[in-house]
Structure formats: C-alpha cells, structure tokens
Amino acid sequence: MTKSNFRDGSPISDTLQETTPADRKVASAGAEAFAAWRAPIVEQLESTGVARARAERLATLVIAALEGSLVQARVEQSCNPIKAVVQELEELLKAVSRSDSD
C-alpha cells in the first residue's frame, strides 16, 4: 500500500460495497471469491484439530479483520493497522489451534 501512497487496497471490497445488493451477479461473484479465500484457512485450521464450524467462523473473522485493516491503513496513511491485525490474528490462531487440538 505504501508504494501506491495508500490508494491501493482490496478492489473486491470497494467493488462489492458499491454494487451489491443491486447487482446480484456481482454479489454472487463476491460471495464465491470470499468462499475461495476462506477455504484454505478453514483447511489449515481443521488440519490442526479445529472443528469445521469454528474454523469457518475464524476464517470469516480473518478475512473481515484483514479487509478492515486495509480500510484503516488507507484512512490513516499507515501500515500499522495491517501489522496490528496480522500480529493479533497470528496469536489468536496459534492459541486456537493449540487449545482445540488438546
């Protein structure tokens, strides 16, 4: 983001916020994209012993947190929100994987 002076971010979020729910085809494509993003996160969490339902919720949280951090970074003209979210998600997911595999 710094290379673009914080103009770049997540094009999918910007597009979806502007076009859905008015355009069902775009909404459907967005839903498919988010599902594709969640799938490997769910897989990885399940491989560490996290139950599927919880893994799906956590994957949704990960994507929401990362997308939100991009917005905050753009507004603040700083990568700090992204770094903070990544650090906290890493700690959360490690803790969840350890506790659910016991």
C-alpha atoms as a PDB file:
ATOM      1  CA  MET A   1       0.000   0.000   0.000  1.00  0.00           C
ATOM      2  CA  THR A   2       2.848   2.386   0.675  1.00  0.00           C
ATOM      3  CA  LYS A   3       4.040   2.132  -2.938  1.00  0.00           C
ATOM      4  CA  SER A   4       0.663   3.413  -4.136  1.00  0.00           C
ATOM      5  CA  ASN A   5       0.542   6.120  -1.452  1.00  0.00           C
ATOM      6  CA  PHE A   6      -2.319   4.144   0.134  1.00  0.00           C
ATOM      7  CA  ARG A   7      -4.553   4.289  -2.944  1.00  0.00           C
ATOM      8  CA  ASP A   8      -4.442   0.529  -3.493  1.00  0.00           C
ATOM      9  CA  GLY A   9      -6.192  -1.862  -1.193  1.00  0.00           C
ATOM     10  CA  SER A  10      -8.695  -4.607  -1.763  1.00  0.00           C
ATOM     11  CA  PRO A  11     -10.523  -3.995  -5.036  1.00  0.00           C
ATOM     12  CA  ILE A  12     -13.094  -6.652  -4.213  1.00  0.00           C
ATOM     13  CA  SER A  13     -14.332  -4.832  -1.119  1.00  0.00           C
ATOM     14  CA  ASP A  14     -14.611  -1.488  -2.880  1.00  0.00           C
ATOM     15  CA  THR A  15     -16.439  -3.026  -5.823  1.00  0.00           C
ATOM     16  CA  LEU A  16     -18.832  -5.062  -3.691  1.00  0.00           C
ATOM     17  CA  GLN A  17     -19.708  -2.147  -1.433  1.00  0.00           C
ATOM     18  CA  GLU A  18     -20.602  -0.024  -4.437  1.00  0.00           C
ATOM     19  CA  THR A  19     -22.556  -2.604  -6.466  1.00  0.00           C
ATOM     20  CA  THR A  20     -24.294  -5.028  -4.124  1.00  0.00           C
ATOM     21  CA  PRO A  21     -27.056  -5.880  -3.437  1.00  0.00           C
ATOM     22  CA  ALA A  22     -28.303  -4.044  -6.544  1.00  0.00           C
ATOM     23  CA  ASP A  23     -26.360  -6.330  -8.887  1.00  0.00           C
ATOM     24  CA  ARG A  24     -26.986  -9.968  -7.976  1.00  0.00           C
ATOM     25  CA  LYS A  25     -24.342 -11.265 -10.406  1.00  0.00           C
ATOM     26  CA  VAL A  26     -21.642  -9.160  -8.774  1.00  0.00           C
ATOM     27  CA  ALA A  27     -22.890 -10.179  -5.320  1.00  0.00           C
ATOM     28  CA  SER A  28     -22.726 -13.832  -6.329  1.00  0.00           C
ATOM     29  CA  ALA A  29     -19.203 -13.438  -7.708  1.00  0.00           C
ATOM     30  CA  GLY A  30     -18.194 -11.697  -4.482  1.00  0.00           C
ATOM     31  CA  ALA A  31     -19.634 -14.495  -2.383  1.00  0.00           C
ATOM     32  CA  GLU A  32     -17.678 -17.022  -4.454  1.00  0.00           C
ATOM     33  CA  ALA A  33     -14.465 -15.018  -4.039  1.00  0.00           C
ATOM     34  CA  PHE A  34     -14.854 -14.806  -0.271  1.00  0.00           C
ATOM     35  CA  ALA A  35     -15.618 -18.538  -0.115  1.00  0.00           C
ATOM     36  CA  ALA A  36     -12.445 -19.222  -2.093  1.00  0.00           C
ATOM     37  CA  TRP A  37     -10.455 -17.063   0.329  1.00  0.00           C
ATOM     38  CA  ARG A  38     -11.961 -18.836   3.359  1.00  0.00           C
ATOM     39  CA  ALA A  39     -11.411 -22.379   2.072  1.00  0.00           C
ATOM     40  CA  PRO A  40      -7.629 -22.661   2.624  1.00  0.00           C
ATOM     41  CA  ILE A  41      -7.923 -21.008   6.034  1.00  0.00           C
ATOM     42  CA  VAL A  42     -10.605 -23.500   7.049  1.00  0.00           C
ATOM     43  CA  GLU A  43      -8.488 -26.372   5.716  1.00  0.00           C
ATOM     44  CA  GLN A  44      -5.431 -25.256   7.655  1.00  0.00           C
ATOM     45  CA  LEU A  45      -7.378 -24.796  10.881  1.00  0.00           C
ATOM     46  CA  GLU A  46      -9.056 -28.178  10.532  1.00  0.00           C
ATOM     47  CA  SER A  47      -5.661 -29.791   9.989  1.00  0.00           C
ATOM     48  CA  THR A  48      -4.661 -28.535  13.450  1.00  0.00           C
ATOM     49  CA  GLY A  49      -7.740 -30.001  15.107  1.00  0.00           C
ATOM     50  CA  VAL A  50     -10.176 -27.080  14.981  1.00  0.00           C
ATOM     51  CA  ALA A  51     -13.782 -28.178  14.410  1.00  0.00           C
ATOM     52  CA  ARG A  52     -15.141 -27.252  10.976  1.00  0.00           C
ATOM     53  CA  ALA A  53     -17.857 -24.888  12.230  1.00  0.00           C
ATOM     54  CA  ARG A  54     -15.358 -22.956  14.325  1.00  0.00           C
ATOM     55  CA  ALA A  55     -12.800 -22.988  11.516  1.00  0.00           C
ATOM     56  CA  GLU A  56     -15.369 -21.423   9.190  1.00  0.00           C
ATOM     57  CA  ARG A  57     -16.180 -18.698  11.735  1.00  0.00           C
ATOM     58  CA  LEU A  58     -12.497 -17.999  12.297  1.00  0.00           C
ATOM     59  CA  ALA A  59     -11.839 -17.820   8.558  1.00  0.00           C
ATOM     60  CA  THR A  60     -14.619 -15.254   8.255  1.00  0.00           C
ATOM     61  CA  LEU A  61     -13.049 -13.288  11.109  1.00  0.00           C
ATOM     62  CA  VAL A  62      -9.624 -13.390   9.459  1.00  0.00           C
ATOM     63  CA  ILE A  63     -10.923 -12.016   6.179  1.00  0.00           C
ATOM     64  CA  ALA A  64     -13.074  -9.366   7.854  1.00  0.00           C
ATOM     65  CA  ALA A  65     -10.162  -8.238  10.015  1.00  0.00           C
ATOM     66  CA  LEU A  66      -7.751  -8.048   7.101  1.00  0.00           C
ATOM     67  CA  GLU A  67     -10.208  -6.211   4.882  1.00  0.00           C
ATOM     68  CA  GLY A  68     -10.976  -3.772   7.688  1.00  0.00           C
ATOM     69  CA  SER A  69      -7.286  -3.199   8.320  1.00  0.00           C
ATOM     70  CA  LEU A  70      -6.838  -2.206   4.679  1.00  0.00           C
ATOM     71  CA  VAL A  71      -9.518   0.463   5.028  1.00  0.00           C
ATOM     72  CA  GLN A  72      -7.967   1.759   8.237  1.00  0.00           C
ATOM     73  CA  ALA A  73      -4.496   1.779   6.677  1.00  0.00           C
ATOM     74  CA  ARG A  74      -5.773   3.823   3.765  1.00  0.00           C
ATOM     75  CA  VAL A  75      -7.508   6.336   6.023  1.00  0.00           C
ATOM     76  CA  GLU A  76      -4.565   6.621   8.418  1.00  0.00           C
ATOM     77  CA  GLN A  77      -1.961   6.535   5.625  1.00  0.00           C
ATOM     78  CA  SER A  78      -0.126   3.925   7.697  1.00  0.00           C
ATOM     79  CA  CYS A  79       0.561   0.206   7.563  1.00  0.00           C
ATOM     80  CA  ASN A  80       0.193  -0.013  11.338  1.00  0.00           C
ATOM     81  CA  PRO A  81      -3.429  -1.266  11.257  1.00  0.00           C
ATOM     82  CA  ILE A  82      -2.433  -4.091   8.918  1.00  0.00           C
ATOM     83  CA  LYS A  83       0.565  -5.031  11.053  1.00  0.00           C
ATOM     84  CA  ALA A  84      -1.524  -4.966  14.238  1.00  0.00           C
ATOM     85  CA  VAL A  85      -4.253  -7.150  12.758  1.00  0.00           C
ATOM     86  CA  VAL A  86      -1.778  -9.662  11.365  1.00  0.00           C
ATOM     87  CA  GLN A  87       0.010  -9.920  14.713  1.00  0.00           C
ATOM     88  CA  GLU A  88      -3.209 -10.414  16.678  1.00  0.00           C
ATOM     89  CA  LEU A  89      -4.646 -12.897  14.191  1.00  0.00           C
ATOM     90  CA  GLU A  90      -1.436 -14.893  14.289  1.00  0.00           C
ATOM     91  CA  GLU A  91      -1.547 -15.098  18.081  1.00  0.00           C
ATOM     92  CA  LEU A  92      -5.265 -15.915  18.110  1.00  0.00           C
ATOM     93  CA  LEU A  93      -4.997 -18.661  15.525  1.00  0.00           C
ATOM     94  CA  LYS A  94      -1.995 -20.256  17.209  1.00  0.00           C
ATOM     95  CA  ALA A  95      -3.840 -20.272  20.529  1.00  0.00           C
ATOM     96  CA  VAL A  96      -6.993 -21.707  18.965  1.00  0.00           C
ATOM     97  CA  SER A  97      -5.055 -24.420  17.172  1.00  0.00           C
ATOM     98  CA  ARG A  98      -3.263 -25.401  20.389  1.00  0.00           C
ATOM     99  CA  SER A  99      -6.380 -25.444  22.542  1.00  0.00           C
ATOM    100  CA  ASP A 100      -8.619 -27.230  20.054  1.00  0.00           C
ATOM    101  CA  SER A 101      -6.064 -29.963  19.364  1.00  0.00           C
ATOM    102  CA  ASP A 102      -5.688 -30.884  23.045  1.00  0.00           C
END
